[in-house]
N, C-alpha and C. Protein backbone atom coordinates (compact mmCIF):
# COMPACT_ATOMS: atom_id res chain seq x y z
N MET A 1 10.90 8.31 11.90
CA MET A 1 10.05 7.58 11.99
C MET A 1 9.63 7.56 13.25
N ASN A 2 8.23 7.99 13.49
CA ASN A 2 7.83 7.89 15.32
C ASN A 2 7.52 6.80 15.70
N ASP A 3 7.83 6.67 17.25
CA ASP A 3 8.34 5.45 17.81
C ASP A 3 7.02 4.31 17.91
N ILE A 4 6.28 4.83 17.95
CA ILE A 4 4.58 4.31 17.87
C ILE A 4 4.76 3.29 16.47
N ILE A 5 5.13 3.79 15.24
CA ILE A 5 5.36 3.35 13.70
C ILE A 5 6.46 2.07 14.28
N MET A 6 7.58 2.76 14.65
CA MET A 6 8.66 2.00 14.64
C MET A 6 8.24 0.82 15.41
N HIS A 7 7.34 0.76 16.88
CA HIS A 7 7.14 -0.47 17.36
C HIS A 7 6.17 -1.23 16.79
N LEU A 8 5.39 -0.47 16.02
CA LEU A 8 4.53 -1.37 15.37
C LEU A 8 5.27 -2.44 14.23
N CYS A 9 6.28 -1.73 13.68
CA CYS A 9 7.03 -2.32 12.82
C CYS A 9 7.50 -3.73 13.24
N GLN A 10 8.01 -3.69 14.51
CA GLN A 10 9.03 -4.58 15.30
C GLN A 10 7.83 -5.71 15.80
N ALA A 11 6.91 -4.99 16.10
CA ALA A 11 5.84 -6.22 16.13
C ALA A 11 5.37 -6.94 15.45
N LEU A 12 4.99 -6.40 14.07
CA LEU A 12 5.19 -7.10 13.23
C LEU A 12 6.04 -8.08 12.11
N GLU A 13 7.00 -7.53 12.78
CA GLU A 13 8.59 -8.36 12.33
C GLU A 13 7.98 -9.41 13.08
N GLN A 14 7.65 -9.93 14.13
CA GLN A 14 7.73 -11.04 14.71
C GLN A 14 6.81 -11.95 14.66
N GLU A 15 5.54 -11.35 13.46
CA GLU A 15 4.42 -12.20 13.06
C GLU A 15 4.77 -12.73 11.70
N PHE A 16 6.34 -12.50 11.03
CA PHE A 16 6.66 -13.09 9.69
C PHE A 16 5.75 -14.52 9.25
N ASP A 17 6.57 -14.95 10.81
CA ASP A 17 6.09 -16.93 10.45
C ASP A 17 4.31 -17.15 9.87
N ASP A 18 3.58 -15.98 10.27
CA ASP A 18 2.07 -16.10 10.02
C ASP A 18 1.73 -15.86 8.57
N ILE A 19 2.31 -15.76 7.84
CA ILE A 19 2.68 -15.37 6.34
C ILE A 19 2.56 -17.09 5.63
N THR A 20 1.51 -16.97 5.09
CA THR A 20 1.90 -18.55 4.21
C THR A 20 3.48 -18.65 2.92
N ILE A 21 3.84 -19.94 2.94
CA ILE A 21 4.38 -20.12 1.89
C ILE A 21 4.65 -19.06 0.40
N GLU A 22 3.13 -20.07 0.21
CA GLU A 22 2.82 -19.20 -1.17
C GLU A 22 2.88 -17.74 -1.07
N ARG A 23 2.32 -17.34 0.02
CA ARG A 23 2.54 -15.71 0.03
C ARG A 23 3.98 -15.18 -0.34
N LYS A 24 4.76 -15.55 0.86
CA LYS A 24 5.96 -15.75 0.71
C LYS A 24 6.70 -15.43 -0.63
N LEU A 25 6.50 -16.23 -1.02
CA LEU A 25 7.21 -16.77 -2.82
C LEU A 25 6.88 -15.07 -3.44
N LYS A 26 5.55 -14.73 -3.55
CA LYS A 26 5.10 -13.77 -4.66
C LYS A 26 5.81 -12.57 -3.94
N LEU A 27 5.72 -12.56 -2.66
CA LEU A 27 6.72 -11.32 -1.91
C LEU A 27 7.75 -11.15 -2.26
N ILE A 28 8.33 -12.72 -2.18
CA ILE A 28 10.09 -12.38 -2.73
C ILE A 28 10.23 -12.01 -4.29
N GLU A 29 9.07 -12.36 -5.03
CA GLU A 29 9.20 -12.19 -6.47
C GLU A 29 9.35 -10.37 -6.57
N LEU A 30 8.44 -9.92 -5.72
CA LEU A 30 8.46 -8.26 -5.50
C LEU A 30 9.96 -7.78 -4.91
N SER A 31 10.44 -8.35 -3.99
CA SER A 31 11.83 -8.16 -3.69
C SER A 31 12.48 -8.13 -4.79
N ASP A 32 12.53 -9.11 -5.40
CA ASP A 32 13.34 -9.57 -6.59
C ASP A 32 13.52 -7.90 -7.86
N TYR A 33 12.42 -7.93 -7.86
CA TYR A 33 11.94 -6.77 -9.18
C TYR A 33 12.36 -5.55 -8.64
N ILE A 34 12.37 -5.24 -7.25
CA ILE A 34 13.21 -4.27 -6.25
C ILE A 34 14.72 -4.26 -6.42
N ILE A 35 15.18 -5.23 -6.01
CA ILE A 35 16.98 -5.78 -6.42
C ILE A 35 17.50 -5.17 -7.71
N SER A 36 16.03 -5.83 -8.83
CA SER A 36 17.06 -5.40 -10.27
C SER A 36 16.61 -4.48 -10.59
N ARG A 37 15.79 -3.24 -9.95
CA ARG A 37 15.72 -1.81 -10.40
C ARG A 37 17.08 -1.31 -9.79
N LYS A 38 17.35 -1.82 -8.41
CA LYS A 38 18.39 -0.82 -7.88
C LYS A 38 19.52 -1.31 -8.23
N ASN A 39 19.80 -2.37 -8.81
CA ASN A 39 21.20 -3.31 -9.59
C ASN A 39 21.45 -2.14 -10.53
N GLU A 40 20.48 -1.69 -11.32
CA GLU A 40 20.69 -1.01 -12.66
C GLU A 40 20.32 0.64 -12.16
N GLU A 41 20.42 0.83 -10.94
CA GLU A 41 20.26 2.33 -10.29
C GLU A 41 19.48 3.21 -10.86
N GLU A 42 18.31 2.36 -10.85
CA GLU A 42 16.97 2.98 -10.82
C GLU A 42 15.89 3.32 -9.76
N ILE A 43 15.48 4.13 -10.00
CA ILE A 43 14.42 4.07 -8.33
C ILE A 43 13.17 2.92 -9.14
N ALA A 44 12.93 2.34 -8.17
CA ALA A 44 11.96 1.23 -8.34
C ALA A 44 10.20 2.12 -7.61
N ARG A 45 10.10 2.19 -8.61
CA ARG A 45 8.16 2.66 -8.54
C ARG A 45 7.26 1.36 -8.36
N LEU A 46 6.63 1.54 -7.40
CA LEU A 46 5.27 0.66 -6.80
C LEU A 46 4.40 1.41 -7.41
N VAL A 47 3.56 0.81 -7.82
CA VAL A 47 1.96 1.32 -8.28
C VAL A 47 1.39 0.09 -7.65
N VAL A 48 0.38 0.26 -6.51
CA VAL A 48 -0.70 -0.75 -5.76
C VAL A 48 -1.99 -0.13 -6.41
N ILE A 49 -2.76 -1.38 -6.66
CA ILE A 49 -3.83 -1.00 -7.33
C ILE A 49 -4.84 -2.06 -7.23
N CYS A 50 -5.94 -1.41 -6.72
CA CYS A 50 -7.58 -1.95 -6.66
C CYS A 50 -8.64 -1.84 -7.46
N THR A 51 -9.83 -1.89 -7.28
CA THR A 51 -10.70 -1.78 -7.68
C THR A 51 -11.26 0.09 -7.76
N HIS A 52 -11.28 0.19 -6.60
CA HIS A 52 -11.74 1.78 -6.68
C HIS A 52 -10.83 2.76 -5.67
N ASN A 53 -9.58 2.11 -5.34
CA ASN A 53 -8.54 3.07 -5.04
C ASN A 53 -9.27 4.04 -3.56
N SER A 54 -9.34 3.30 -2.69
CA SER A 54 -10.19 3.10 -1.26
C SER A 54 -9.95 2.80 -0.19
N ARG A 55 -9.36 1.64 -0.47
CA ARG A 55 -8.97 1.09 1.11
C ARG A 55 -7.45 -0.02 0.79
N ARG A 56 -7.43 -0.78 -0.02
CA ARG A 56 -6.21 -1.84 0.31
C ARG A 56 -5.04 -1.02 -0.86
N SER A 57 -5.18 -0.48 -1.64
CA SER A 57 -4.46 -0.11 -2.52
C SER A 57 -3.62 1.22 -1.72
N HIS A 58 -4.49 2.06 -0.72
CA HIS A 58 -3.97 2.94 0.03
C HIS A 58 -3.02 2.40 0.89
N MET A 59 -3.81 1.50 1.75
CA MET A 59 -2.63 0.35 2.69
C MET A 59 -1.51 -0.33 2.16
N GLY A 60 -1.68 -0.89 0.79
CA GLY A 60 -0.31 -1.47 0.30
C GLY A 60 0.93 -0.33 0.08
N GLN A 61 0.23 1.15 -0.08
CA GLN A 61 1.36 2.31 -0.96
C GLN A 61 1.84 2.63 0.39
N ILE A 62 0.87 2.88 1.35
CA ILE A 62 1.78 3.54 2.24
C ILE A 62 2.55 2.42 3.40
N TRP A 63 2.75 1.76 3.50
CA TRP A 63 3.30 0.56 3.72
C TRP A 63 4.82 0.16 3.49
N ALA A 64 4.36 -0.23 1.72
CA ALA A 64 5.31 0.05 1.25
C ALA A 64 6.34 0.91 1.38
N GLN A 65 6.15 1.80 1.63
CA GLN A 65 6.99 2.94 1.81
C GLN A 65 7.44 3.46 3.29
N VAL A 66 6.52 2.77 4.09
CA VAL A 66 6.98 2.73 5.29
C VAL A 66 8.03 1.59 6.01
N ALA A 67 7.88 0.70 5.10
CA ALA A 67 8.53 -0.41 4.66
C ALA A 67 10.29 -0.09 4.64
N ALA A 68 10.57 0.26 3.23
CA ALA A 68 11.65 0.89 2.64
C ALA A 68 12.30 2.04 4.00
N ASP A 69 11.64 2.51 4.39
CA ASP A 69 11.80 3.80 5.48
C ASP A 69 12.54 2.82 6.77
N TYR A 70 11.78 1.83 7.27
CA TYR A 70 12.03 1.16 8.72
C TYR A 70 13.23 0.02 8.40
N TYR A 71 13.84 -0.14 6.81
CA TYR A 71 15.03 -0.93 6.59
C TYR A 71 15.87 -0.30 5.76
N GLY A 72 15.50 1.03 5.59
CA GLY A 72 17.05 2.18 5.06
C GLY A 72 16.89 1.57 3.72
N ILE A 73 15.86 1.74 3.15
CA ILE A 73 16.01 1.22 1.87
C ILE A 73 15.62 2.42 0.37
N SER A 74 16.84 3.02 -0.12
CA SER A 74 16.42 4.24 -0.84
C SER A 74 15.87 3.74 -1.86
N LYS A 75 15.72 4.64 -2.91
CA LYS A 75 15.24 4.83 -4.19
C LYS A 75 14.13 3.85 -4.40
N ILE A 76 12.76 4.04 -3.53
CA ILE A 76 11.71 3.44 -3.89
C ILE A 76 10.74 5.12 -3.80
N LYS A 77 9.70 4.62 -4.63
CA LYS A 77 8.54 5.63 -4.57
C LYS A 77 7.26 4.39 -4.90
N THR A 78 6.24 4.69 -3.76
CA THR A 78 5.37 3.86 -4.65
C THR A 78 3.74 4.83 -4.40
N PHE A 79 2.88 4.56 -5.23
CA PHE A 79 2.18 5.04 -5.69
C PHE A 79 0.56 4.61 -5.54
N SER A 80 -0.74 4.68 -5.76
CA SER A 80 -1.60 3.75 -5.47
C SER A 80 -3.08 4.13 -6.53
N GLY A 81 -3.12 3.58 -7.24
CA GLY A 81 -4.86 3.79 -8.43
C GLY A 81 -6.07 2.83 -8.35
N GLY A 82 -6.81 3.18 -9.13
CA GLY A 82 -8.12 2.38 -9.26
C GLY A 82 -8.34 2.12 -10.41
N ILE A 83 -9.36 0.68 -10.87
CA ILE A 83 -9.83 1.12 -12.10
C ILE A 83 -10.63 2.26 -12.47
N GLU A 84 -11.29 2.61 -11.39
CA GLU A 84 -12.13 4.25 -11.29
C GLU A 84 -11.72 4.64 -10.11
N ALA A 85 -12.04 5.73 -10.12
CA ALA A 85 -12.00 6.29 -8.54
C ALA A 85 -13.17 6.49 -8.14
N THR A 86 -13.02 6.69 -6.78
CA THR A 86 -13.95 6.97 -5.37
C THR A 86 -14.11 8.10 -4.60
N ALA A 87 -13.35 7.39 -3.68
CA ALA A 87 -12.78 8.06 -2.02
C ALA A 87 -11.87 7.16 -1.60
N LEU A 88 -11.06 8.01 -0.94
CA LEU A 88 -10.39 7.01 0.21
C LEU A 88 -11.29 6.72 1.27
N ASN A 89 -11.21 5.36 1.66
CA ASN A 89 -13.06 5.39 3.11
C ASN A 89 -12.59 5.68 4.07
N PRO A 90 -13.04 6.78 4.88
CA PRO A 90 -12.79 6.98 6.18
C PRO A 90 -13.09 5.60 7.27
N ARG A 91 -13.07 4.82 6.79
CA ARG A 91 -12.97 3.13 7.79
C ARG A 91 -11.46 3.77 7.79
N ALA A 92 -11.10 3.06 6.27
CA ALA A 92 -9.59 2.85 6.20
C ALA A 92 -8.34 4.16 6.96
N VAL A 93 -9.39 4.99 6.68
CA VAL A 93 -8.38 6.17 7.25
C VAL A 93 -8.69 6.67 8.85
N SER A 94 -9.20 6.17 9.41
CA SER A 94 -9.98 5.44 10.93
C SER A 94 -8.75 4.45 11.53
N ALA A 95 -8.44 3.61 10.33
CA ALA A 95 -7.62 2.49 10.76
C ALA A 95 -5.75 2.69 10.78
N PHE A 96 -5.75 3.80 9.90
CA PHE A 96 -4.29 4.78 9.79
C PHE A 96 -4.27 5.30 11.19
N LYS A 97 -5.09 6.01 11.68
CA LYS A 97 -5.11 6.78 12.98
C LYS A 97 -4.75 6.05 14.07
N LYS A 98 -5.58 4.45 14.16
CA LYS A 98 -5.61 3.86 15.45
C LYS A 98 -4.29 3.30 15.88
N VAL A 99 -3.83 3.16 14.57
CA VAL A 99 -2.30 2.30 15.08
C VAL A 99 -0.91 3.56 14.78
N GLY A 100 -1.33 4.51 14.43
CA GLY A 100 -0.20 5.99 15.01
C GLY A 100 0.40 6.98 14.12
N PHE A 101 -0.51 6.72 12.55
CA PHE A 101 -0.31 7.61 11.36
C PHE A 101 -0.83 9.11 11.80
N ASP A 102 -0.01 9.85 11.56
CA ASP A 102 -0.65 11.46 11.65
C ASP A 102 -1.41 11.35 10.61
N VAL A 103 -2.52 11.60 10.34
CA VAL A 103 -3.15 12.11 9.04
C VAL A 103 -3.99 13.27 9.35
N ASN A 104 -4.46 13.95 8.07
CA ASN A 104 -5.02 15.39 8.38
C ASN A 104 -5.79 15.25 6.98
N SER A 105 -7.12 15.55 7.32
CA SER A 105 -7.75 16.13 6.05
C SER A 105 -7.86 17.68 5.33
N ILE A 106 -7.75 16.89 4.07
CA ILE A 106 -7.72 18.48 3.60
C ILE A 106 -8.94 18.68 2.73
N LYS A 107 -9.70 19.88 3.05
CA LYS A 107 -10.97 20.33 2.58
C LYS A 107 -11.10 20.10 1.14
N ASN A 108 -12.12 19.69 0.57
CA ASN A 108 -12.46 19.50 -0.87
C ASN A 108 -14.15 20.26 -1.20
N ASP A 109 -13.83 20.49 -2.14
CA ASP A 109 -15.36 20.55 -2.94
C ASP A 109 -16.36 19.46 -3.30
N ASP A 110 -15.40 18.16 -3.67
CA ASP A 110 -16.20 17.08 -3.80
C ASP A 110 -15.98 16.13 -2.94
N ASP A 111 -16.43 15.07 -2.86
CA ASP A 111 -16.33 13.47 -1.89
C ASP A 111 -15.17 12.98 -2.26
N ASN A 112 -14.44 13.54 -3.07
CA ASN A 112 -13.12 12.50 -3.17
C ASN A 112 -12.00 13.24 -2.34
N HIS A 113 -12.34 13.31 -0.79
CA HIS A 113 -11.45 14.17 0.16
C HIS A 113 -9.54 13.77 -0.01
N ARG A 114 -8.83 14.76 0.31
CA ARG A 114 -7.21 14.22 -0.03
C ARG A 114 -7.32 14.54 1.70
N TYR A 115 -5.97 13.58 1.91
CA TYR A 115 -5.72 13.05 3.23
C TYR A 115 -4.06 13.01 2.99
N GLU A 116 -3.36 14.44 4.27
CA GLU A 116 -1.86 13.60 4.29
C GLU A 116 -1.51 12.98 5.37
N LEU A 117 -0.87 12.37 5.04
CA LEU A 117 -0.23 10.83 6.18
C LEU A 117 1.08 11.04 6.63
N ARG A 118 1.53 11.07 7.39
CA ARG A 118 2.88 11.13 7.81
C ARG A 118 3.32 9.87 8.97
N TRP A 119 4.05 9.38 9.06
CA TRP A 119 4.71 8.61 10.17
C TRP A 119 6.34 8.98 10.71
N SER A 120 6.57 10.48 10.60
CA SER A 120 7.40 10.89 10.72
C SER A 120 7.48 12.21 10.59
N GLU A 121 7.72 13.44 11.77
CA GLU A 121 7.68 14.75 12.07
C GLU A 121 8.52 15.08 10.91
N ASP A 122 9.72 14.76 10.52
CA ASP A 122 10.49 15.62 9.63
C ASP A 122 10.32 15.16 8.11
N MET A 123 9.07 14.28 7.53
CA MET A 123 8.74 13.65 6.29
C MET A 123 8.01 14.99 5.61
N GLU A 124 8.02 14.50 4.34
CA GLU A 124 7.27 15.19 3.92
C GLU A 124 5.99 14.74 3.69
N ALA A 125 4.50 15.16 3.85
CA ALA A 125 3.03 14.47 4.17
C ALA A 125 3.12 13.51 2.49
N TYR A 126 2.44 12.38 2.72
CA TYR A 126 1.89 11.57 1.89
C TYR A 126 0.73 11.92 1.44
N GLN A 127 0.25 12.42 -0.08
CA GLN A 127 -1.19 12.89 -0.34
C GLN A 127 -1.77 11.95 -0.53
N ALA A 128 -2.69 11.65 -0.05
CA ALA A 128 -4.05 10.10 0.02
C ALA A 128 -5.12 10.75 -0.51
N PHE A 129 -5.73 10.44 -1.78
CA PHE A 129 -6.53 10.55 -2.32
C PHE A 129 -7.13 9.45 -3.62
N SER A 130 -8.55 9.27 -4.03
CA SER A 130 -8.67 8.51 -4.89
C SER A 130 -8.32 8.53 -6.13
N LYS A 131 -7.54 7.69 -7.16
CA LYS A 131 -7.81 8.35 -8.70
C LYS A 131 -7.35 7.09 -9.54
N ARG A 132 -7.37 6.94 -10.93
CA ARG A 132 -6.93 6.02 -11.03
C ARG A 132 -5.78 5.53 -11.58
N TYR A 133 -5.24 4.27 -12.08
CA TYR A 133 -4.08 3.90 -11.87
C TYR A 133 -3.17 4.92 -12.80
N GLY A 134 -4.09 5.18 -14.01
CA GLY A 134 -3.30 6.09 -15.38
C GLY A 134 -2.93 7.96 -14.69
N ASP A 135 -3.64 7.79 -13.70
CA ASP A 135 -3.55 9.22 -13.48
C ASP A 135 -2.23 10.02 -13.53
N THR A 136 -2.14 11.12 -13.87
CA THR A 136 -0.54 11.82 -14.27
C THR A 136 0.02 11.88 -13.13
N SER A 137 -0.60 11.96 -11.75
CA SER A 137 0.67 11.70 -10.47
C SER A 137 1.08 10.14 -10.33
N ASN A 138 0.91 9.42 -11.38
CA ASN A 138 1.68 8.36 -11.48
C ASN A 138 2.18 7.83 -12.23
N PRO A 139 3.44 6.83 -12.27
CA PRO A 139 4.24 6.84 -13.25
C PRO A 139 3.53 6.36 -14.59
N SER A 140 3.97 6.03 -15.68
CA SER A 140 3.52 6.05 -16.55
C SER A 140 4.22 4.94 -17.39
N GLU A 141 5.23 4.18 -16.97
CA GLU A 141 6.16 3.63 -17.63
C GLU A 141 7.45 2.93 -16.74
N LYS A 142 7.91 1.72 -16.87
CA LYS A 142 8.95 1.21 -15.83
C LYS A 142 8.37 1.13 -14.24
N PHE A 143 7.13 1.09 -14.08
CA PHE A 143 7.05 0.36 -12.49
C PHE A 143 5.99 -0.94 -12.76
N ALA A 144 6.43 -1.39 -11.37
CA ALA A 144 5.42 -2.67 -10.95
C ALA A 144 4.28 -2.64 -10.05
N ALA A 145 3.32 -2.97 -11.12
CA ALA A 145 1.45 -2.76 -10.62
C ALA A 145 1.25 -3.95 -9.92
N ILE A 146 0.95 -3.74 -8.93
CA ILE A 146 0.59 -5.05 -7.60
C ILE A 146 -0.65 -4.86 -7.48
N MET A 147 -1.29 -6.39 -8.02
CA MET A 147 -2.95 -6.07 -8.03
C MET A 147 -3.44 -6.67 -6.77
N VAL A 148 -4.17 -5.44 -5.84
CA VAL A 148 -4.00 -6.37 -4.40
C VAL A 148 -5.66 -6.81 -4.43
N CYS A 149 -6.67 -6.61 -5.74
CA CYS A 149 -7.82 -7.42 -5.54
C CYS A 149 -8.07 -8.16 -6.88
N THR A 150 -8.61 -8.82 -6.73
CA THR A 150 -9.30 -9.99 -7.64
C THR A 150 -9.95 -9.40 -9.02
N SER A 151 -10.91 -8.67 -8.34
CA SER A 151 -11.55 -7.79 -9.51
C SER A 151 -10.72 -7.25 -10.40
N ALA A 152 -9.38 -6.19 -9.69
CA ALA A 152 -9.17 -5.22 -10.72
C ALA A 152 -8.30 -6.35 -11.52
N ASP A 153 -7.20 -7.22 -10.26
CA ASP A 153 -6.58 -8.24 -11.54
C ASP A 153 -7.11 -8.76 -12.63
N GLU A 154 -8.37 -9.29 -12.65
CA GLU A 154 -9.62 -9.95 -13.80
C GLU A 154 -9.53 -9.01 -14.61
N GLY A 155 -10.27 -7.75 -14.37
CA GLY A 155 -10.52 -6.71 -15.21
C GLY A 155 -9.76 -6.14 -15.84
N CYS A 156 -8.64 -5.90 -15.86
CA CYS A 156 -7.46 -5.22 -16.19
C CYS A 156 -6.90 -6.16 -16.69
N PRO A 157 -6.53 -7.06 -17.82
CA PRO A 157 -6.08 -7.67 -18.28
C PRO A 157 -3.92 -7.50 -18.49
N ILE A 158 -4.57 -5.99 -19.03
CA ILE A 158 -2.75 -5.02 -19.37
C ILE A 158 -2.82 -3.39 -18.63
N ILE A 159 -1.90 -3.70 -17.76
CA ILE A 159 -1.45 -2.27 -17.04
C ILE A 159 -0.50 -1.74 -18.17
N THR A 160 -0.79 -0.75 -18.91
CA THR A 160 -0.35 -0.49 -20.09
C THR A 160 1.50 0.33 -19.17
N GLY A 161 2.53 0.13 -19.50
CA GLY A 161 3.58 0.44 -19.07
C GLY A 161 4.68 -0.01 -17.81
N CYS A 162 3.59 -1.06 -17.57
CA CYS A 162 4.22 -1.62 -16.22
C CYS A 162 5.35 -2.54 -16.95
N ASP A 163 6.52 -3.05 -16.22
CA ASP A 163 7.10 -3.71 -16.70
C ASP A 163 7.42 -4.72 -15.96
N PHE A 164 6.46 -5.11 -14.38
CA PHE A 164 6.41 -6.45 -13.40
C PHE A 164 5.04 -5.89 -13.17
N ARG A 165 4.18 -7.37 -13.39
CA ARG A 165 3.24 -7.17 -12.35
C ARG A 165 2.69 -8.50 -11.52
N LEU A 166 2.45 -8.20 -10.42
CA LEU A 166 2.09 -9.40 -9.05
C LEU A 166 0.86 -9.39 -8.77
N SER A 167 -0.02 -10.52 -8.80
CA SER A 167 -0.82 -10.87 -8.30
C SER A 167 -0.92 -10.99 -6.69
N LEU A 168 -1.49 -10.06 -5.70
CA LEU A 168 -1.44 -10.27 -4.57
C LEU A 168 -2.80 -9.80 -3.39
N PRO A 169 -3.90 -10.61 -4.38
CA PRO A 169 -5.44 -10.16 -3.48
C PRO A 169 -5.10 -10.36 -1.88
N TYR A 170 -5.77 -9.42 -1.42
CA TYR A 170 -6.09 -9.09 -0.12
C TYR A 170 -8.01 -9.34 -0.25
N GLU A 171 -8.54 -9.96 0.89
CA GLU A 171 -9.90 -9.92 1.35
C GLU A 171 -10.33 -8.39 1.56
N ASP A 172 -11.32 -8.20 1.12
CA ASP A 172 -11.81 -6.36 0.96
C ASP A 172 -12.80 -6.19 2.03
N PRO A 173 -11.88 -5.78 2.88
CA PRO A 173 -12.59 -5.19 4.30
C PRO A 173 -13.83 -4.48 4.35
N LYS A 174 -14.12 -3.90 2.94
CA LYS A 174 -15.59 -3.12 3.02
C LYS A 174 -16.73 -4.25 3.08
N ALA A 175 -16.41 -5.71 2.97
CA ALA A 175 -17.52 -7.11 2.94
C ALA A 175 -18.08 -6.76 4.33
N TYR A 176 -17.56 -5.81 5.40
CA TYR A 176 -17.65 -6.00 6.65
C TYR A 176 -18.25 -4.67 6.93
N ASP A 177 -18.48 -3.66 6.15
CA ASP A 177 -18.81 -2.28 7.06
C ASP A 177 -19.81 -2.16 7.23
N ASP A 178 -20.63 -1.55 8.14
CA ASP A 178 -21.96 -1.35 8.92
C ASP A 178 -22.43 -2.66 9.37
N LYS A 179 -21.09 -3.71 9.84
CA LYS A 179 -21.03 -5.01 10.54
C LYS A 179 -20.49 -4.67 11.49
N GLY A 180 -21.11 -6.27 12.54
CA GLY A 180 -20.35 -6.01 14.21
C GLY A 180 -18.87 -6.34 13.49
N LEU A 181 -18.56 -6.66 12.61
CA LEU A 181 -16.80 -7.11 12.66
C LEU A 181 -15.89 -5.97 12.45
N GLU A 182 -16.59 -4.90 11.57
CA GLU A 182 -16.41 -3.66 10.68
C GLU A 182 -14.53 -3.49 11.30
N THR A 183 -14.67 -2.82 12.27
CA THR A 183 -13.33 -2.11 12.83
C THR A 183 -12.57 -3.13 13.17
N GLU A 184 -12.81 -4.47 13.51
CA GLU A 184 -11.72 -5.64 13.61
C GLU A 184 -11.10 -5.81 12.16
N MET A 185 -11.50 -5.89 11.12
CA MET A 185 -11.33 -6.45 9.54
C MET A 185 -10.53 -5.28 8.89
N TYR A 186 -10.84 -4.27 9.39
CA TYR A 186 -10.07 -3.14 8.94
C TYR A 186 -8.34 -3.32 9.95
N ASP A 187 -8.78 -3.49 10.48
CA ASP A 187 -7.50 -3.30 11.81
C ASP A 187 -7.12 -4.71 11.28
N GLU A 188 -7.44 -5.44 11.08
CA GLU A 188 -6.98 -7.00 10.90
C GLU A 188 -6.19 -6.67 9.14
N ARG A 189 -6.91 -6.36 8.07
CA ARG A 189 -6.32 -6.07 6.71
C ARG A 189 -5.16 -5.04 6.98
N LEU A 190 -5.45 -3.97 7.80
CA LEU A 190 -4.04 -2.97 7.38
C LEU A 190 -2.74 -3.77 8.15
N ARG A 191 -3.18 -4.42 8.97
CA ARG A 191 -1.86 -5.26 9.89
C ARG A 191 -1.32 -6.44 8.89
N GLN A 192 -2.27 -6.99 8.45
CA GLN A 192 -1.59 -8.10 7.37
C GLN A 192 -1.05 -7.68 6.47
N ILE A 193 -1.55 -6.03 5.62
CA ILE A 193 -0.71 -5.37 4.50
C ILE A 193 0.83 -5.37 4.94
N GLY A 194 0.62 -4.44 6.08
CA GLY A 194 2.17 -4.07 7.02
C GLY A 194 2.58 -5.07 7.35
N ARG A 195 2.40 -6.21 7.58
CA ARG A 195 3.27 -7.37 7.44
C ARG A 195 4.24 -8.12 6.49
N ASP A 196 3.24 -8.06 5.49
CA ASP A 196 3.39 -8.46 3.92
C ASP A 196 4.57 -7.40 3.70
N MET A 197 4.60 -6.28 3.87
CA MET A 197 5.27 -5.17 3.03
C MET A 197 6.83 -5.27 3.89
N LEU A 198 6.43 -5.46 4.83
CA LEU A 198 7.58 -5.44 5.94
C LEU A 198 8.58 -6.67 5.50
N PHE A 199 7.83 -8.03 5.24
CA PHE A 199 8.59 -9.28 5.04
C PHE A 199 9.36 -8.96 3.60
N CYS A 200 8.53 -8.15 2.63
CA CYS A 200 9.04 -7.94 1.57
C CYS A 200 10.74 -7.14 1.26
N PHE A 201 10.42 -6.38 2.05
CA PHE A 201 11.36 -5.29 2.06
C PHE A 201 12.56 -5.91 2.98
N SER A 202 12.25 -6.71 3.77
CA SER A 202 13.34 -7.17 4.94
C SER A 202 14.11 -8.70 3.78
N GLN A 203 13.55 -8.77 2.54
CA GLN A 203 14.79 -9.44 1.68
C GLN A 203 15.54 -9.05 0.87
N ILE A 204 15.03 -7.31 1.24
CA ILE A 204 16.66 -6.59 0.19
C ILE A 204 17.66 -6.64 0.66
């Protein structure tokens, strides 16, 4: 893990008291699920889901894996998806870059650009692009479905194949696009999700 992301994780650990008790209890439910998979010597597969797989779900996926790496927790694989596929929003990409992630764009012929994200020089790059949660690159059974937006949670009452489902909504930074607080809200959401995922994995 590069020094910038390491220091960011350390700073976010100091903000655990900012997480509400209600949200901590939900995050502990996810911790318990991960522990149960590890007790069965199985890989814990986490699929973070929002409506368009464009912002919050990517933040959740990446931060969950970073948190696992930070605490040295093995047999964790994270994924993301949406109810529909659109594109990973460039504002979210900028937020990742701003805090120290190494992000490279891979050119595509369509609007759904692919990005490679790294937080360590020797790691295999994470491939980030918008897709449906049922995409073939995601697990189809025995996975946790983490619903990070209310509309996806309500609009998709059944997630086929999941053996654990958690409603963990975050305010969508999209509401601030092209407005005065746009940058601040993307930064805030990325930091909030990172703080939550670190707390979750600190309980394992």
